[in-house]
């Protein structure tokens, strides 16, 4: 059965072992400049700022099960500037490639629910 729209798989604290890469310590970030501009206009968030979601020690990582069958896509939910930011990304050859970021209610709900489970 195909995943429904918005379906995700949560990884929580075990993301580094599940995804098989060393998280923020070795991470390099990249993004398309045009997509960054579009994201800033639409959501008020630059990808440069969105990198900070990955630095949140309580971040939550989820796989996007309802998107691309060509490559895995993920969400990072992390606290930035007092709010919970959602960052959409892929992971390619030791590079986190961001393609969306914003402060969305669903991301905050997932983050807060996961934090309650792990406290």
N, C-alpha and C. Protein backbone atom coordinates (compact mmCIF):
# COMPACT_ATOMS: atom_id res chain seq x y z
N UNK A 1 0.84 -1.18 0.00
CA UNK A 1 0.00 0.00 0.00
C UNK A 1 0.89 1.24 0.00
N UNK A 2 0.56 2.23 -0.81
CA UNK A 2 1.33 3.47 -0.89
C UNK A 2 1.06 4.33 0.34
N UNK A 3 2.10 5.05 0.82
CA UNK A 3 1.90 5.93 1.96
C UNK A 3 0.91 7.04 1.61
N UNK A 4 0.17 7.48 2.61
CA UNK A 4 -0.77 8.58 2.41
C UNK A 4 -0.03 9.90 2.40
N UNK A 5 -0.67 10.93 1.87
CA UNK A 5 -0.06 12.26 1.84
C UNK A 5 0.31 12.67 3.26
N UNK A 6 1.51 13.16 3.42
CA UNK A 6 1.98 13.61 4.73
C UNK A 6 2.49 12.50 5.62
N UNK A 7 2.58 11.28 5.13
CA UNK A 7 3.05 10.17 5.94
C UNK A 7 4.53 10.32 6.23
N UNK A 8 4.90 10.08 7.49
CA UNK A 8 6.31 10.18 7.89
C UNK A 8 6.68 9.01 8.77
N UNK A 9 7.99 8.75 8.87
CA UNK A 9 8.54 7.78 9.81
C UNK A 9 9.48 8.56 10.72
N UNK A 10 9.21 8.57 12.01
CA UNK A 10 10.03 9.31 12.96
C UNK A 10 11.27 8.51 13.34
N UNK A 11 12.39 9.23 13.45
CA UNK A 11 13.63 8.62 13.89
C UNK A 11 14.06 9.10 15.27
N UNK A 12 13.61 10.26 15.70
CA UNK A 12 13.95 10.75 17.02
C UNK A 12 15.44 10.81 17.26
N UNK A 13 15.87 10.33 18.43
CA UNK A 13 17.27 10.42 18.84
C UNK A 13 18.19 9.47 18.08
N UNK A 14 17.63 8.48 17.41
CA UNK A 14 18.49 7.49 16.76
C UNK A 14 18.77 7.82 15.30
N UNK A 15 18.51 9.03 14.88
CA UNK A 15 18.63 9.39 13.46
C UNK A 15 20.03 9.12 12.92
N UNK A 16 21.05 9.42 13.68
CA UNK A 16 22.39 9.25 13.13
C UNK A 16 22.69 7.79 12.82
N UNK A 17 22.23 6.88 13.67
CA UNK A 17 22.49 5.47 13.38
C UNK A 17 21.57 4.94 12.30
N UNK A 18 20.33 5.38 12.28
CA UNK A 18 19.38 4.91 11.28
C UNK A 18 19.78 5.38 9.89
N UNK A 19 20.16 6.64 9.76
CA UNK A 19 20.49 7.19 8.46
C UNK A 19 21.93 6.90 8.06
N UNK A 20 22.74 6.47 9.00
CA UNK A 20 24.08 6.05 8.67
C UNK A 20 25.06 7.17 8.40
N UNK A 21 24.89 8.32 9.01
CA UNK A 21 25.86 9.39 8.84
C UNK A 21 26.00 10.18 10.13
N UNK A 22 27.15 10.81 10.29
CA UNK A 22 27.40 11.64 11.47
C UNK A 22 26.70 12.97 11.27
N UNK A 23 25.83 13.29 12.15
CA UNK A 23 24.96 14.46 11.98
C UNK A 23 25.70 15.76 11.81
N UNK A 24 25.44 16.68 12.67
CA UNK A 24 25.87 18.06 12.48
C UNK A 24 27.39 18.23 12.47
N UNK A 25 28.09 17.42 13.20
CA UNK A 25 29.54 17.59 13.31
C UNK A 25 30.23 17.55 11.94
N UNK A 26 29.77 16.67 11.07
CA UNK A 26 30.42 16.54 9.76
C UNK A 26 29.57 17.09 8.63
N UNK A 27 28.38 17.59 8.96
CA UNK A 27 27.44 17.99 7.91
C UNK A 27 27.89 19.24 7.17
N UNK A 28 27.72 19.16 5.86
CA UNK A 28 27.84 20.34 5.01
C UNK A 28 26.46 20.60 4.47
N UNK A 29 26.14 21.85 4.27
CA UNK A 29 24.81 22.21 3.79
C UNK A 29 24.93 22.85 2.42
N UNK A 30 23.92 22.61 1.60
CA UNK A 30 23.84 23.30 0.32
C UNK A 30 22.37 23.48 -0.04
N UNK A 31 22.15 24.41 -0.96
CA UNK A 31 20.80 24.67 -1.44
C UNK A 31 20.89 25.47 -2.72
N UNK A 32 19.80 25.46 -3.45
CA UNK A 32 19.66 26.23 -4.67
C UNK A 32 19.32 27.68 -4.29
N UNK A 33 20.08 28.64 -4.81
CA UNK A 33 19.88 30.05 -4.45
C UNK A 33 18.48 30.54 -4.83
N UNK A 34 17.98 30.10 -5.96
CA UNK A 34 16.63 30.51 -6.37
C UNK A 34 15.57 29.94 -5.43
N UNK A 35 15.75 28.69 -5.03
CA UNK A 35 14.82 28.06 -4.09
C UNK A 35 14.87 28.75 -2.73
N UNK A 36 16.06 29.17 -2.32
CA UNK A 36 16.22 29.91 -1.07
C UNK A 36 15.44 31.22 -1.12
N UNK A 37 15.59 31.95 -2.20
CA UNK A 37 14.87 33.22 -2.36
C UNK A 37 13.36 32.99 -2.34
N UNK A 38 12.93 31.98 -3.05
CA UNK A 38 11.50 31.64 -3.08
C UNK A 38 11.00 31.29 -1.69
N UNK A 39 11.79 30.51 -0.94
CA UNK A 39 11.42 30.12 0.42
C UNK A 39 11.34 31.33 1.34
N UNK A 40 12.28 32.27 1.21
CA UNK A 40 12.25 33.47 2.03
C UNK A 40 10.99 34.30 1.76
N UNK A 41 10.63 34.42 0.49
CA UNK A 41 9.43 35.18 0.14
C UNK A 41 8.16 34.49 0.62
N UNK A 42 8.12 33.18 0.51
CA UNK A 42 6.91 32.43 0.85
C UNK A 42 6.76 32.18 2.35
N UNK A 43 7.89 31.86 3.02
CA UNK A 43 7.84 31.44 4.42
C UNK A 43 8.62 32.34 5.39
N UNK A 44 9.36 33.31 4.85
CA UNK A 44 10.11 34.23 5.71
C UNK A 44 11.32 33.62 6.38
N UNK A 45 11.85 32.53 5.83
CA UNK A 45 12.99 31.83 6.43
C UNK A 45 14.04 31.59 5.36
N UNK A 46 15.29 31.98 5.65
CA UNK A 46 16.40 31.68 4.74
C UNK A 46 16.95 30.30 5.07
N UNK A 47 17.54 29.66 4.09
CA UNK A 47 18.16 28.37 4.34
C UNK A 47 19.39 28.51 5.23
N UNK A 48 20.05 29.65 5.16
CA UNK A 48 21.19 29.88 6.06
C UNK A 48 20.73 29.82 7.51
N UNK A 49 19.57 30.39 7.80
CA UNK A 49 19.02 30.36 9.16
C UNK A 49 18.51 28.95 9.50
N UNK A 50 17.95 28.28 8.50
CA UNK A 50 17.36 26.96 8.72
C UNK A 50 18.39 25.93 9.19
N UNK A 51 19.66 26.14 8.89
CA UNK A 51 20.71 25.22 9.33
C UNK A 51 20.70 25.02 10.84
N UNK A 52 20.28 26.06 11.56
CA UNK A 52 20.31 26.00 13.02
C UNK A 52 19.35 24.96 13.59
N UNK A 53 18.34 24.55 12.83
CA UNK A 53 17.43 23.50 13.32
C UNK A 53 18.20 22.20 13.57
N UNK A 54 19.24 21.95 12.79
CA UNK A 54 20.03 20.74 12.94
C UNK A 54 20.92 20.79 14.18
N UNK A 55 21.16 21.98 14.71
CA UNK A 55 22.01 22.14 15.89
C UNK A 55 21.24 21.93 17.19
N UNK A 56 19.93 21.87 17.13
CA UNK A 56 19.11 21.64 18.32
C UNK A 56 19.38 20.22 18.82
N UNK A 57 19.89 20.07 20.04
CA UNK A 57 20.18 18.72 20.54
C UNK A 57 18.91 17.87 20.69
N UNK A 58 17.74 18.49 20.72
CA UNK A 58 16.47 17.77 20.84
C UNK A 58 15.77 17.62 19.49
N UNK A 59 16.48 17.91 18.39
CA UNK A 59 15.84 17.84 17.07
C UNK A 59 15.22 16.47 16.85
N UNK A 60 14.24 16.45 15.96
CA UNK A 60 13.58 15.20 15.58
C UNK A 60 13.72 15.08 14.07
N UNK A 61 14.09 13.90 13.61
CA UNK A 61 14.23 13.64 12.19
C UNK A 61 13.14 12.65 11.78
N UNK A 62 12.52 12.92 10.64
CA UNK A 62 11.49 12.02 10.12
C UNK A 62 11.71 11.84 8.62
N UNK A 63 11.45 10.65 8.15
CA UNK A 63 11.51 10.38 6.72
C UNK A 63 10.16 10.72 6.09
N UNK A 64 10.18 11.38 4.96
CA UNK A 64 8.97 11.71 4.21
C UNK A 64 8.62 10.50 3.36
N UNK A 65 7.61 9.76 3.77
CA UNK A 65 7.24 8.52 3.07
C UNK A 65 6.31 8.78 1.88
N UNK A 66 5.78 9.99 1.79
CA UNK A 66 4.78 10.26 0.76
C UNK A 66 5.34 11.00 -0.45
N UNK A 67 6.66 11.16 -0.48
CA UNK A 67 7.24 11.94 -1.58
C UNK A 67 8.11 11.06 -2.48
N UNK A 68 9.02 11.68 -3.13
CA UNK A 68 9.87 11.10 -4.17
C UNK A 68 10.22 9.64 -3.96
N UNK A 69 10.03 8.83 -5.00
CA UNK A 69 10.48 7.45 -4.93
C UNK A 69 11.92 7.34 -5.44
N UNK A 70 12.43 8.41 -6.04
CA UNK A 70 13.78 8.43 -6.58
C UNK A 70 14.84 8.57 -5.49
N UNK A 71 14.57 9.39 -4.50
CA UNK A 71 15.53 9.59 -3.41
C UNK A 71 14.78 9.82 -2.12
N UNK A 72 15.40 9.45 -1.02
CA UNK A 72 14.76 9.64 0.27
C UNK A 72 14.77 11.12 0.64
N UNK A 73 13.66 11.55 1.20
CA UNK A 73 13.53 12.93 1.69
C UNK A 73 13.19 12.87 3.17
N UNK A 74 13.64 13.90 3.88
CA UNK A 74 13.49 13.93 5.32
C UNK A 74 13.00 15.29 5.79
N UNK A 75 12.57 15.29 7.05
CA UNK A 75 12.24 16.51 7.77
C UNK A 75 13.15 16.59 8.99
N UNK A 76 13.59 17.77 9.31
CA UNK A 76 14.25 18.04 10.59
C UNK A 76 13.37 19.03 11.32
N UNK A 77 12.94 18.69 12.51
CA UNK A 77 12.17 19.59 13.36
C UNK A 77 13.09 20.02 14.50
N UNK A 78 13.41 21.31 14.57
CA UNK A 78 14.33 21.78 15.59
C UNK A 78 14.01 23.20 16.01
N UNK A 79 14.38 23.51 17.24
CA UNK A 79 14.09 24.85 17.79
C UNK A 79 15.09 25.87 17.25
N UNK A 80 14.53 26.96 16.70
CA UNK A 80 15.34 28.07 16.16
C UNK A 80 14.62 29.37 16.52
N UNK A 81 15.33 30.28 17.16
CA UNK A 81 14.77 31.59 17.50
C UNK A 81 13.47 31.50 18.28
N UNK A 82 13.37 30.53 19.20
CA UNK A 82 12.21 30.43 20.07
C UNK A 82 11.03 29.68 19.48
N UNK A 83 11.10 29.28 18.21
CA UNK A 83 10.03 28.51 17.59
C UNK A 83 10.58 27.20 17.07
N UNK A 84 9.69 26.31 16.67
CA UNK A 84 10.11 25.03 16.11
C UNK A 84 10.05 25.14 14.59
N UNK A 85 11.20 25.01 13.96
CA UNK A 85 11.31 25.11 12.52
C UNK A 85 11.29 23.71 11.91
N UNK A 86 10.64 23.61 10.77
CA UNK A 86 10.63 22.38 9.98
C UNK A 86 11.50 22.62 8.76
N UNK A 87 12.47 21.74 8.53
CA UNK A 87 13.35 21.84 7.37
C UNK A 87 13.18 20.57 6.54
N UNK A 88 12.89 20.74 5.26
CA UNK A 88 12.79 19.61 4.34
C UNK A 88 14.14 19.47 3.64
N UNK A 89 14.65 18.21 3.56
CA UNK A 89 15.98 18.03 3.00
C UNK A 89 16.18 16.63 2.45
N UNK A 90 17.25 16.50 1.69
CA UNK A 90 17.76 15.20 1.26
C UNK A 90 19.19 15.10 1.76
N UNK A 91 19.72 13.91 1.71
CA UNK A 91 21.10 13.68 2.13
C UNK A 91 21.82 13.02 0.97
N UNK A 92 22.80 13.72 0.41
CA UNK A 92 23.53 13.24 -0.76
C UNK A 92 25.03 13.36 -0.52
N UNK A 93 25.71 12.27 -0.53
CA UNK A 93 27.18 12.25 -0.44
C UNK A 93 27.70 13.19 0.65
N UNK A 94 27.28 12.97 1.87
CA UNK A 94 27.73 13.74 3.03
C UNK A 94 27.31 15.21 3.00
N UNK A 95 26.28 15.54 2.24
CA UNK A 95 25.78 16.91 2.16
C UNK A 95 24.28 16.90 2.43
N UNK A 96 23.87 17.77 3.33
CA UNK A 96 22.45 17.99 3.57
C UNK A 96 22.00 19.07 2.60
N UNK A 97 21.11 18.70 1.68
CA UNK A 97 20.60 19.64 0.68
C UNK A 97 19.18 20.03 1.08
N UNK A 98 19.03 21.29 1.47
CA UNK A 98 17.74 21.80 1.92
C UNK A 98 16.93 22.32 0.74
N UNK A 99 15.63 22.07 0.79
CA UNK A 99 14.75 22.59 -0.27
C UNK A 99 13.46 23.18 0.27
N UNK A 100 13.32 23.27 1.58
CA UNK A 100 12.16 23.92 2.16
C UNK A 100 12.37 24.13 3.65
N UNK A 101 11.84 25.24 4.18
CA UNK A 101 11.95 25.51 5.61
C UNK A 101 10.89 26.52 6.02
N UNK A 102 10.39 26.35 7.22
CA UNK A 102 9.42 27.29 7.74
C UNK A 102 8.97 26.89 9.12
N UNK A 103 8.16 27.72 9.72
CA UNK A 103 7.56 27.44 11.02
C UNK A 103 6.13 26.97 10.76
N UNK A 104 5.93 25.64 10.82
CA UNK A 104 4.63 25.07 10.52
C UNK A 104 4.08 24.35 11.73
N UNK A 105 2.80 24.49 11.92
CA UNK A 105 2.10 23.93 13.09
C UNK A 105 2.34 22.42 13.22
N UNK A 106 2.26 21.69 12.13
CA UNK A 106 2.44 20.23 12.21
C UNK A 106 3.85 19.87 12.70
N UNK A 107 4.86 20.60 12.25
CA UNK A 107 6.22 20.34 12.71
C UNK A 107 6.36 20.57 14.20
N UNK A 108 5.76 21.65 14.69
CA UNK A 108 5.80 21.94 16.13
C UNK A 108 5.11 20.83 16.92
N UNK A 109 3.98 20.34 16.42
CA UNK A 109 3.24 19.28 17.11
C UNK A 109 4.06 17.99 17.18
N UNK A 110 4.70 17.64 16.09
CA UNK A 110 5.54 16.43 16.07
C UNK A 110 6.71 16.58 17.04
N UNK A 111 7.37 17.73 17.00
CA UNK A 111 8.51 18.00 17.88
C UNK A 111 8.09 17.88 19.34
N UNK A 112 7.00 18.55 19.69
CA UNK A 112 6.55 18.55 21.09
C UNK A 112 6.11 17.17 21.54
N UNK A 113 5.45 16.43 20.68
CA UNK A 113 5.02 15.07 21.03
C UNK A 113 6.24 14.18 21.26
N UNK A 114 7.24 14.26 20.42
CA UNK A 114 8.45 13.46 20.57
C UNK A 114 9.23 13.84 21.82
N UNK A 115 9.26 15.10 22.13
CA UNK A 115 9.96 15.55 23.35
C UNK A 115 9.29 14.97 24.58
N UNK A 116 7.96 14.90 24.61
CA UNK A 116 7.24 14.33 25.75
C UNK A 116 7.57 12.85 25.91
N UNK A 117 7.68 12.15 24.79
CA UNK A 117 7.99 10.72 24.82
C UNK A 117 9.37 10.48 25.42
N UNK A 118 10.34 11.37 25.12
CA UNK A 118 11.73 11.15 25.54
C UNK A 118 12.09 11.81 26.85
N UNK A 119 11.17 12.53 27.46
CA UNK A 119 11.49 13.18 28.75
C UNK A 119 11.29 12.26 29.92
